Amino acid sequence: MSVTCELTVNDVNHRIAVDFADTVLSVLRERLNLTGAKRGCDQGVCGACTVLVDEKPMRSCLLLAANCAGNAVTTIEGLSEDAIGRALQKSFVEAGAIQCGFCIPGALVSARAVLKRNPGASVDDIRKAMSGNLCRCSGYRKIVEAIAKAGAELAP
């Protein structure tokens, strides 16, 4: 059974028919062709599918699309229009924090939420906030350094 709902994704309104069991991740990837959020564990554990819902990091593999009607969803693709998102992307590249790249979209989205809340976040605060984003390629040091560097550049 399907329902038509309005989803606002990266500041663009979409009127789309979704089944009650459709997740935000499946709608993003399969219907809206926004493939930045990755299907990792499909259980909300790895963080590869992280998106912002009303500025809060959420696992899109666990969110039902119909339940997000009326909320603002921001994906990695939407961060290019955001000063914090651009600063993070630049610092990740400069710090060498990107290896295979699979986890990076979710990590950048989570990092954006951290720096939006607190541009001067401490390394401990960053580590705690990023604990739900798993990366098999790195030891996380460069990711944390990149976020702290972007925060320092953004802080007044």
N, C-alpha and C. Protein backbone atom coordinates (compact mmCIF):
# COMPACT_ATOMS: atom_id res chain seq x y z
N MET A 1 0.85 -1.18 0.00
CA MET A 1 0.00 0.00 0.00
C MET A 1 0.89 1.24 0.00
N SER A 2 0.51 2.24 -0.75
CA SER A 2 1.33 3.43 -0.82
C SER A 2 0.54 4.68 -0.42
N VAL A 3 1.30 5.70 -0.10
CA VAL A 3 0.75 6.99 0.28
C VAL A 3 1.59 8.06 -0.41
N THR A 4 0.97 9.14 -0.80
CA THR A 4 1.70 10.24 -1.40
C THR A 4 2.09 11.20 -0.28
N CYS A 5 3.36 11.55 -0.25
CA CYS A 5 3.80 12.49 0.77
C CYS A 5 4.74 13.51 0.16
N GLU A 6 4.91 14.59 0.87
CA GLU A 6 5.81 15.65 0.45
C GLU A 6 7.07 15.55 1.28
N LEU A 7 8.17 15.35 0.58
CA LEU A 7 9.48 15.31 1.23
C LEU A 7 10.29 16.51 0.77
N THR A 8 10.88 17.20 1.72
CA THR A 8 11.78 18.29 1.38
C THR A 8 13.20 17.78 1.58
N VAL A 9 13.90 17.66 0.47
CA VAL A 9 15.26 17.12 0.49
C VAL A 9 16.19 18.16 -0.12
N ASN A 10 17.17 18.59 0.66
CA ASN A 10 18.13 19.62 0.22
C ASN A 10 17.41 20.86 -0.31
N ASP A 11 16.39 21.27 0.43
CA ASP A 11 15.60 22.47 0.13
C ASP A 11 14.76 22.36 -1.14
N VAL A 12 14.56 21.17 -1.66
CA VAL A 12 13.71 20.95 -2.82
C VAL A 12 12.52 20.09 -2.39
N ASN A 13 11.32 20.54 -2.70
CA ASN A 13 10.11 19.79 -2.35
C ASN A 13 9.85 18.72 -3.39
N HIS A 14 9.55 17.52 -2.90
CA HIS A 14 9.23 16.39 -3.77
C HIS A 14 7.89 15.82 -3.33
N ARG A 15 6.99 15.66 -4.26
CA ARG A 15 5.73 14.97 -3.99
C ARG A 15 5.89 13.57 -4.57
N ILE A 16 5.87 12.58 -3.70
CA ILE A 16 6.25 11.23 -4.14
C ILE A 16 5.38 10.19 -3.45
N ALA A 17 5.05 9.16 -4.20
CA ALA A 17 4.29 8.04 -3.63
C ALA A 17 5.29 7.07 -3.02
N VAL A 18 5.05 6.72 -1.77
CA VAL A 18 5.93 5.79 -1.07
C VAL A 18 5.09 4.69 -0.44
N ASP A 19 5.66 3.50 -0.40
CA ASP A 19 5.04 2.42 0.35
C ASP A 19 5.29 2.69 1.82
N PHE A 20 4.47 2.15 2.67
CA PHE A 20 4.63 2.38 4.10
C PHE A 20 5.96 1.85 4.62
N ALA A 21 6.53 0.86 3.96
CA ALA A 21 7.79 0.27 4.41
C ALA A 21 9.02 0.92 3.76
N ASP A 22 8.84 1.87 2.85
CA ASP A 22 9.98 2.52 2.19
C ASP A 22 10.76 3.37 3.18
N THR A 23 12.07 3.16 3.18
CA THR A 23 12.92 3.98 4.05
C THR A 23 13.35 5.24 3.31
N VAL A 24 13.79 6.21 4.08
CA VAL A 24 14.33 7.43 3.48
C VAL A 24 15.50 7.07 2.58
N LEU A 25 16.35 6.14 3.02
CA LEU A 25 17.50 5.75 2.21
C LEU A 25 17.08 5.21 0.85
N SER A 26 16.09 4.34 0.82
CA SER A 26 15.67 3.77 -0.47
C SER A 26 15.05 4.84 -1.36
N VAL A 27 14.29 5.75 -0.79
CA VAL A 27 13.70 6.83 -1.59
C VAL A 27 14.79 7.75 -2.13
N LEU A 28 15.75 8.10 -1.28
CA LEU A 28 16.83 8.96 -1.75
C LEU A 28 17.58 8.33 -2.92
N ARG A 29 17.99 7.10 -2.73
CA ARG A 29 18.85 6.43 -3.71
C ARG A 29 18.09 5.97 -4.96
N GLU A 30 16.91 5.39 -4.77
CA GLU A 30 16.21 4.75 -5.89
C GLU A 30 15.22 5.64 -6.60
N ARG A 31 14.70 6.65 -5.93
CA ARG A 31 13.68 7.50 -6.56
C ARG A 31 14.20 8.89 -6.88
N LEU A 32 15.05 9.42 -5.99
CA LEU A 32 15.53 10.79 -6.19
C LEU A 32 16.95 10.84 -6.76
N ASN A 33 17.55 9.68 -6.96
CA ASN A 33 18.90 9.58 -7.52
C ASN A 33 19.94 10.36 -6.72
N LEU A 34 19.75 10.42 -5.42
CA LEU A 34 20.72 11.02 -4.50
C LEU A 34 21.46 9.84 -3.84
N THR A 35 22.61 9.50 -4.37
CA THR A 35 23.29 8.27 -3.97
C THR A 35 24.43 8.49 -2.99
N GLY A 36 24.54 9.69 -2.42
CA GLY A 36 25.60 9.96 -1.46
C GLY A 36 25.46 9.14 -0.19
N ALA A 37 24.26 9.05 0.35
CA ALA A 37 24.03 8.21 1.53
C ALA A 37 24.17 6.77 1.10
N LYS A 38 24.98 6.02 1.80
CA LYS A 38 25.30 4.65 1.41
C LYS A 38 24.51 3.62 2.22
N ARG A 39 24.20 2.51 1.57
CA ARG A 39 23.57 1.39 2.26
C ARG A 39 24.71 0.52 2.79
N GLY A 40 24.96 0.62 4.08
CA GLY A 40 26.03 -0.16 4.70
C GLY A 40 25.46 -1.38 5.39
N CYS A 41 25.20 -1.26 6.66
CA CYS A 41 24.73 -2.39 7.45
C CYS A 41 23.23 -2.61 7.33
N ASP A 42 22.49 -1.57 6.96
CA ASP A 42 21.03 -1.61 6.87
C ASP A 42 20.38 -1.90 8.23
N GLN A 43 21.11 -1.60 9.31
CA GLN A 43 20.60 -1.82 10.65
C GLN A 43 20.82 -0.61 11.56
N GLY A 44 21.28 0.51 10.99
CA GLY A 44 21.48 1.71 11.78
C GLY A 44 22.72 1.73 12.63
N VAL A 45 23.67 0.86 12.34
CA VAL A 45 24.86 0.72 13.17
C VAL A 45 26.07 1.47 12.60
N CYS A 46 26.25 1.44 11.28
CA CYS A 46 27.51 1.91 10.69
C CYS A 46 27.57 3.41 10.43
N GLY A 47 26.44 4.05 10.23
CA GLY A 47 26.43 5.49 9.99
C GLY A 47 26.64 5.91 8.55
N ALA A 48 26.84 4.98 7.64
CA ALA A 48 27.09 5.33 6.23
C ALA A 48 25.89 6.00 5.58
N CYS A 49 24.71 5.79 6.10
CA CYS A 49 23.49 6.34 5.53
C CYS A 49 23.01 7.61 6.24
N THR A 50 23.84 8.19 7.07
CA THR A 50 23.42 9.33 7.89
C THR A 50 23.00 10.52 7.04
N VAL A 51 21.85 11.09 7.39
CA VAL A 51 21.35 12.33 6.81
C VAL A 51 20.92 13.21 7.98
N LEU A 52 20.69 14.47 7.69
CA LEU A 52 20.15 15.37 8.71
C LEU A 52 18.65 15.47 8.51
N VAL A 53 17.91 15.31 9.58
CA VAL A 53 16.47 15.52 9.57
C VAL A 53 16.20 16.64 10.55
N ASP A 54 15.78 17.77 10.02
CA ASP A 54 15.62 18.97 10.84
C ASP A 54 16.89 19.23 11.66
N GLU A 55 18.03 19.14 10.96
CA GLU A 55 19.36 19.44 11.51
C GLU A 55 19.91 18.38 12.48
N LYS A 56 19.21 17.28 12.68
CA LYS A 56 19.70 16.23 13.57
C LYS A 56 20.17 15.04 12.74
N PRO A 57 21.35 14.49 13.06
CA PRO A 57 21.81 13.32 12.31
C PRO A 57 20.95 12.10 12.61
N MET A 58 20.52 11.45 11.54
CA MET A 58 19.64 10.29 11.67
C MET A 58 20.10 9.23 10.67
N ARG A 59 19.82 7.97 10.99
CA ARG A 59 20.14 6.86 10.09
C ARG A 59 18.99 6.67 9.11
N SER A 60 19.24 6.99 7.85
CA SER A 60 18.17 6.95 6.85
C SER A 60 17.71 5.54 6.53
N CYS A 61 18.52 4.52 6.86
CA CYS A 61 18.10 3.14 6.62
C CYS A 61 17.02 2.71 7.60
N LEU A 62 16.86 3.44 8.69
CA LEU A 62 15.86 3.09 9.71
C LEU A 62 14.63 3.99 9.68
N LEU A 63 14.71 5.10 8.94
CA LEU A 63 13.62 6.07 8.92
C LEU A 63 12.61 5.73 7.83
N LEU A 64 11.37 5.67 8.18
CA LEU A 64 10.34 5.48 7.17
C LEU A 64 10.09 6.80 6.46
N ALA A 65 10.09 6.75 5.15
CA ALA A 65 9.92 7.97 4.36
C ALA A 65 8.61 8.69 4.69
N ALA A 66 7.55 7.93 4.85
CA ALA A 66 6.25 8.54 5.14
C ALA A 66 6.28 9.32 6.46
N ASN A 67 7.11 8.90 7.39
CA ASN A 67 7.21 9.59 8.68
C ASN A 67 8.03 10.88 8.59
N CYS A 68 8.72 11.08 7.48
CA CYS A 68 9.56 12.29 7.33
C CYS A 68 8.86 13.38 6.54
N ALA A 69 7.61 13.14 6.15
CA ALA A 69 6.86 14.18 5.46
C ALA A 69 6.78 15.41 6.36
N GLY A 70 7.09 16.56 5.80
CA GLY A 70 7.05 17.80 6.57
C GLY A 70 8.35 18.14 7.27
N ASN A 71 9.32 17.25 7.21
CA ASN A 71 10.63 17.52 7.81
C ASN A 71 11.62 17.91 6.72
N ALA A 72 12.65 18.64 7.10
CA ALA A 72 13.72 19.01 6.17
C ALA A 72 14.81 17.95 6.24
N VAL A 73 15.05 17.27 5.13
CA VAL A 73 16.10 16.26 5.03
C VAL A 73 17.27 16.87 4.26
N THR A 74 18.46 16.74 4.83
CA THR A 74 19.67 17.21 4.15
C THR A 74 20.61 16.04 3.98
N THR A 75 21.06 15.84 2.75
CA THR A 75 22.00 14.76 2.43
C THR A 75 23.38 15.36 2.18
N ILE A 76 24.35 14.52 1.95
CA ILE A 76 25.69 14.98 1.62
C ILE A 76 25.65 15.91 0.40
N GLU A 77 24.77 15.62 -0.55
CA GLU A 77 24.66 16.48 -1.72
C GLU A 77 24.25 17.90 -1.35
N GLY A 78 23.46 18.04 -0.30
CA GLY A 78 23.00 19.35 0.14
C GLY A 78 24.04 20.14 0.91
N LEU A 79 25.10 19.47 1.36
CA LEU A 79 26.13 20.18 2.13
C LEU A 79 26.99 21.09 1.29
N SER A 80 26.98 20.90 -0.03
CA SER A 80 27.79 21.77 -0.89
C SER A 80 27.26 23.20 -0.91
N GLU A 81 26.02 23.38 -0.48
CA GLU A 81 25.41 24.72 -0.42
C GLU A 81 25.57 25.35 0.95
N ASP A 82 26.30 24.72 1.83
CA ASP A 82 26.39 25.11 3.22
C ASP A 82 27.85 25.46 3.56
N ALA A 83 28.09 26.59 4.23
CA ALA A 83 29.46 27.01 4.56
C ALA A 83 30.18 25.98 5.42
N ILE A 84 29.47 25.42 6.40
CA ILE A 84 30.09 24.40 7.26
C ILE A 84 30.40 23.15 6.45
N GLY A 85 29.47 22.74 5.61
CA GLY A 85 29.69 21.56 4.77
C GLY A 85 30.87 21.73 3.83
N ARG A 86 30.99 22.91 3.22
CA ARG A 86 32.13 23.16 2.32
C ARG A 86 33.44 23.16 3.09
N ALA A 87 33.45 23.77 4.27
CA ALA A 87 34.67 23.80 5.09
C ALA A 87 35.08 22.38 5.49
N LEU A 88 34.10 21.57 5.84
CA LEU A 88 34.40 20.18 6.21
C LEU A 88 34.95 19.39 5.03
N GLN A 89 34.32 19.51 3.89
CA GLN A 89 34.79 18.79 2.71
C GLN A 89 36.23 19.17 2.39
N LYS A 90 36.53 20.45 2.46
CA LYS A 90 37.89 20.93 2.19
C LYS A 90 38.88 20.37 3.21
N SER A 91 38.52 20.42 4.48
CA SER A 91 39.44 19.95 5.53
C SER A 91 39.63 18.43 5.47
N PHE A 92 38.60 17.68 5.10
CA PHE A 92 38.75 16.23 4.96
C PHE A 92 39.76 15.90 3.87
N VAL A 93 39.68 16.62 2.77
CA VAL A 93 40.62 16.38 1.68
C VAL A 93 42.04 16.77 2.11
N GLU A 94 42.18 17.95 2.69
CA GLU A 94 43.50 18.44 3.10
C GLU A 94 44.14 17.55 4.16
N ALA A 95 43.34 17.00 5.06
CA ALA A 95 43.87 16.17 6.15
C ALA A 95 44.11 14.72 5.71
N GLY A 96 43.70 14.38 4.49
CA GLY A 96 43.84 13.00 4.04
C GLY A 96 42.91 12.06 4.79
N ALA A 97 41.74 12.59 5.17
CA ALA A 97 40.79 11.80 5.96
C ALA A 97 39.92 10.90 5.10
N ILE A 98 40.06 11.00 3.79
CA ILE A 98 39.24 10.20 2.88
C ILE A 98 40.10 9.08 2.32
N GLN A 99 39.66 7.85 2.55
CA GLN A 99 40.39 6.72 1.97
C GLN A 99 39.49 6.08 0.92
N CYS A 100 38.75 5.06 1.24
CA CYS A 100 37.91 4.44 0.21
C CYS A 100 36.70 5.32 -0.11
N GLY A 101 36.26 6.12 0.86
CA GLY A 101 35.18 7.06 0.64
C GLY A 101 33.79 6.56 0.98
N PHE A 102 33.63 5.28 1.27
CA PHE A 102 32.29 4.74 1.50
C PHE A 102 31.61 5.38 2.71
N CYS A 103 32.34 5.56 3.80
CA CYS A 103 31.75 6.09 5.03
C CYS A 103 31.72 7.61 5.07
N ILE A 104 32.47 8.24 4.19
CA ILE A 104 32.70 9.68 4.28
C ILE A 104 31.42 10.52 4.16
N PRO A 105 30.48 10.21 3.27
CA PRO A 105 29.26 11.03 3.24
C PRO A 105 28.54 11.08 4.60
N GLY A 106 28.38 9.93 5.23
CA GLY A 106 27.74 9.89 6.54
C GLY A 106 28.56 10.61 7.59
N ALA A 107 29.88 10.46 7.53
CA ALA A 107 30.76 11.13 8.48
C ALA A 107 30.69 12.65 8.32
N LEU A 108 30.67 13.12 7.07
CA LEU A 108 30.58 14.56 6.83
C LEU A 108 29.25 15.13 7.33
N VAL A 109 28.17 14.39 7.12
CA VAL A 109 26.86 14.84 7.59
C VAL A 109 26.84 14.91 9.12
N SER A 110 27.38 13.89 9.76
CA SER A 110 27.44 13.90 11.23
C SER A 110 28.35 15.02 11.73
N ALA A 111 29.47 15.22 11.06
CA ALA A 111 30.40 16.29 11.45
C ALA A 111 29.76 17.66 11.28
N ARG A 112 28.96 17.81 10.26
CA ARG A 112 28.26 19.08 10.04
C ARG A 112 27.33 19.38 11.23
N ALA A 113 26.66 18.35 11.72
CA ALA A 113 25.77 18.53 12.88
C ALA A 113 26.57 18.95 14.10
N VAL A 114 27.74 18.36 14.28
CA VAL A 114 28.60 18.70 15.43
C VAL A 114 29.00 20.17 15.36
N LEU A 115 29.52 20.60 14.21
CA LEU A 115 30.02 21.96 14.10
C LEU A 115 28.91 23.01 14.03
N LYS A 116 27.74 22.62 13.57
CA LYS A 116 26.59 23.55 13.60
C LYS A 116 26.22 23.85 15.05
N ARG A 117 26.24 22.80 15.88
CA ARG A 117 25.93 22.96 17.31
C ARG A 117 27.04 23.70 18.03
N ASN A 118 28.30 23.36 17.70
CA ASN A 118 29.41 23.89 18.45
C ASN A 118 30.67 23.95 17.58
N PRO A 119 30.90 25.08 16.88
CA PRO A 119 32.07 25.17 16.01
C PRO A 119 33.39 24.97 16.75
N GLY A 120 33.43 25.27 18.03
CA GLY A 120 34.64 25.10 18.82
C GLY A 120 34.68 23.79 19.58
N ALA A 121 34.02 22.77 19.06
CA ALA A 121 33.95 21.48 19.75
C ALA A 121 35.35 20.94 20.04
N SER A 122 35.50 20.39 21.23
CA SER A 122 36.78 19.79 21.61
C SER A 122 36.96 18.46 20.88
N VAL A 123 38.19 17.96 20.88
CA VAL A 123 38.48 16.67 20.26
C VAL A 123 37.63 15.58 20.93
N ASP A 124 37.48 15.64 22.24
CA ASP A 124 36.65 14.64 22.93
C ASP A 124 35.19 14.74 22.51
N ASP A 125 34.68 15.97 22.36
CA ASP A 125 33.30 16.16 21.89
C ASP A 125 33.12 15.61 20.48
N ILE A 126 34.10 15.85 19.63
CA ILE A 126 34.04 15.36 18.25
C ILE A 126 34.05 13.84 18.24
N ARG A 127 34.95 13.25 18.99
CA ARG A 127 35.03 11.78 19.04
C ARG A 127 33.70 11.18 19.52
N LYS A 128 33.13 11.77 20.54
CA LYS A 128 31.86 11.26 21.08
C LYS A 128 30.76 11.38 20.02
N ALA A 129 30.67 12.53 19.37
CA ALA A 129 29.63 12.75 18.36
C ALA A 129 29.80 11.87 17.14
N MET A 130 31.02 11.50 16.83
CA MET A 130 31.31 10.69 15.64
C MET A 130 31.36 9.20 15.94
N SER A 131 31.09 8.82 17.17
CA SER A 131 31.23 7.41 17.55
C SER A 131 30.28 6.48 16.81
N GLY A 132 29.23 7.00 16.23
CA GLY A 132 28.28 6.18 15.48
C GLY A 132 28.61 6.05 14.01
N ASN A 133 29.73 6.62 13.58
CA ASN A 133 30.15 6.53 12.18
C ASN A 133 31.38 5.64 12.10
N LEU A 134 31.18 4.45 11.58
CA LEU A 134 32.26 3.48 11.49
C LEU A 134 33.04 3.63 10.19
N CYS A 135 34.35 3.45 10.29
CA CYS A 135 35.23 3.51 9.13
C CYS A 135 36.19 2.32 9.23
N ARG A 136 36.22 1.51 8.20
CA ARG A 136 37.09 0.33 8.21
C ARG A 136 38.49 0.64 7.70
N CYS A 137 38.67 1.80 7.08
CA CYS A 137 39.96 2.12 6.45
C CYS A 137 40.89 2.93 7.35
N SER A 138 40.35 3.68 8.28
CA SER A 138 41.20 4.60 9.03
C SER A 138 41.19 4.29 10.52
N GLY A 139 42.08 4.97 11.20
CA GLY A 139 42.10 4.91 12.65
C GLY A 139 41.35 6.08 13.25
N TYR A 140 40.62 6.81 12.45
CA TYR A 140 39.78 7.93 12.84
C TYR A 140 40.54 9.20 13.17
N ARG A 141 41.83 9.11 13.39
CA ARG A 141 42.61 10.28 13.79
C ARG A 141 42.47 11.41 12.78
N LYS A 142 42.62 11.11 11.50
CA LYS A 142 42.56 12.14 10.47
C LYS A 142 41.15 12.72 10.33
N ILE A 143 40.15 11.90 10.54
CA ILE A 143 38.77 12.39 10.48
C ILE A 143 38.53 13.39 11.61
N VAL A 144 38.94 13.04 12.81
CA VAL A 144 38.76 13.93 13.96
C VAL A 144 39.57 15.21 13.75
N GLU A 145 40.80 15.09 13.27
CA GLU A 145 41.63 16.27 13.00
C GLU A 145 40.98 17.18 11.95
N ALA A 146 40.42 16.59 10.92
CA ALA A 146 39.77 17.38 9.87
C ALA A 146 38.58 18.15 10.43
N ILE A 147 37.79 17.53 11.27
CA ILE A 147 36.62 18.20 11.85
C ILE A 147 37.08 19.32 12.77
N ALA A 148 38.09 19.06 13.60
CA ALA A 148 38.59 20.10 14.50
C ALA A 148 39.18 21.27 13.71
N LYS A 149 39.87 20.97 12.63
CA LYS A 149 40.44 22.03 11.78
C LYS A 149 39.35 22.89 11.16
N ALA A 150 38.33 22.26 10.62
CA ALA A 150 37.20 23.01 10.04
C ALA A 150 36.52 23.85 11.09
N GLY A 151 36.34 23.29 12.29
CA GLY A 151 35.73 24.05 13.38
C GLY A 151 36.55 25.26 13.77
N ALA A 152 37.86 25.10 13.82
CA ALA A 152 38.74 26.22 14.18
C ALA A 152 38.66 27.31 13.11
N GLU A 153 38.54 26.93 11.86
CA GLU A 153 38.46 27.92 10.79
C GLU A 153 37.11 28.63 10.79
N LEU A 154 36.06 27.96 11.28
CA LEU A 154 34.73 28.54 11.29
C LEU A 154 34.45 29.37 12.54
N ALA A 155 35.16 29.06 13.63
CA ALA A 155 34.90 29.75 14.91
C ALA A 155 35.25 31.23 14.77
N PRO A 156 34.45 32.08 15.39
CA PRO A 156 34.70 33.54 15.31
C PRO A 156 35.99 33.96 15.99
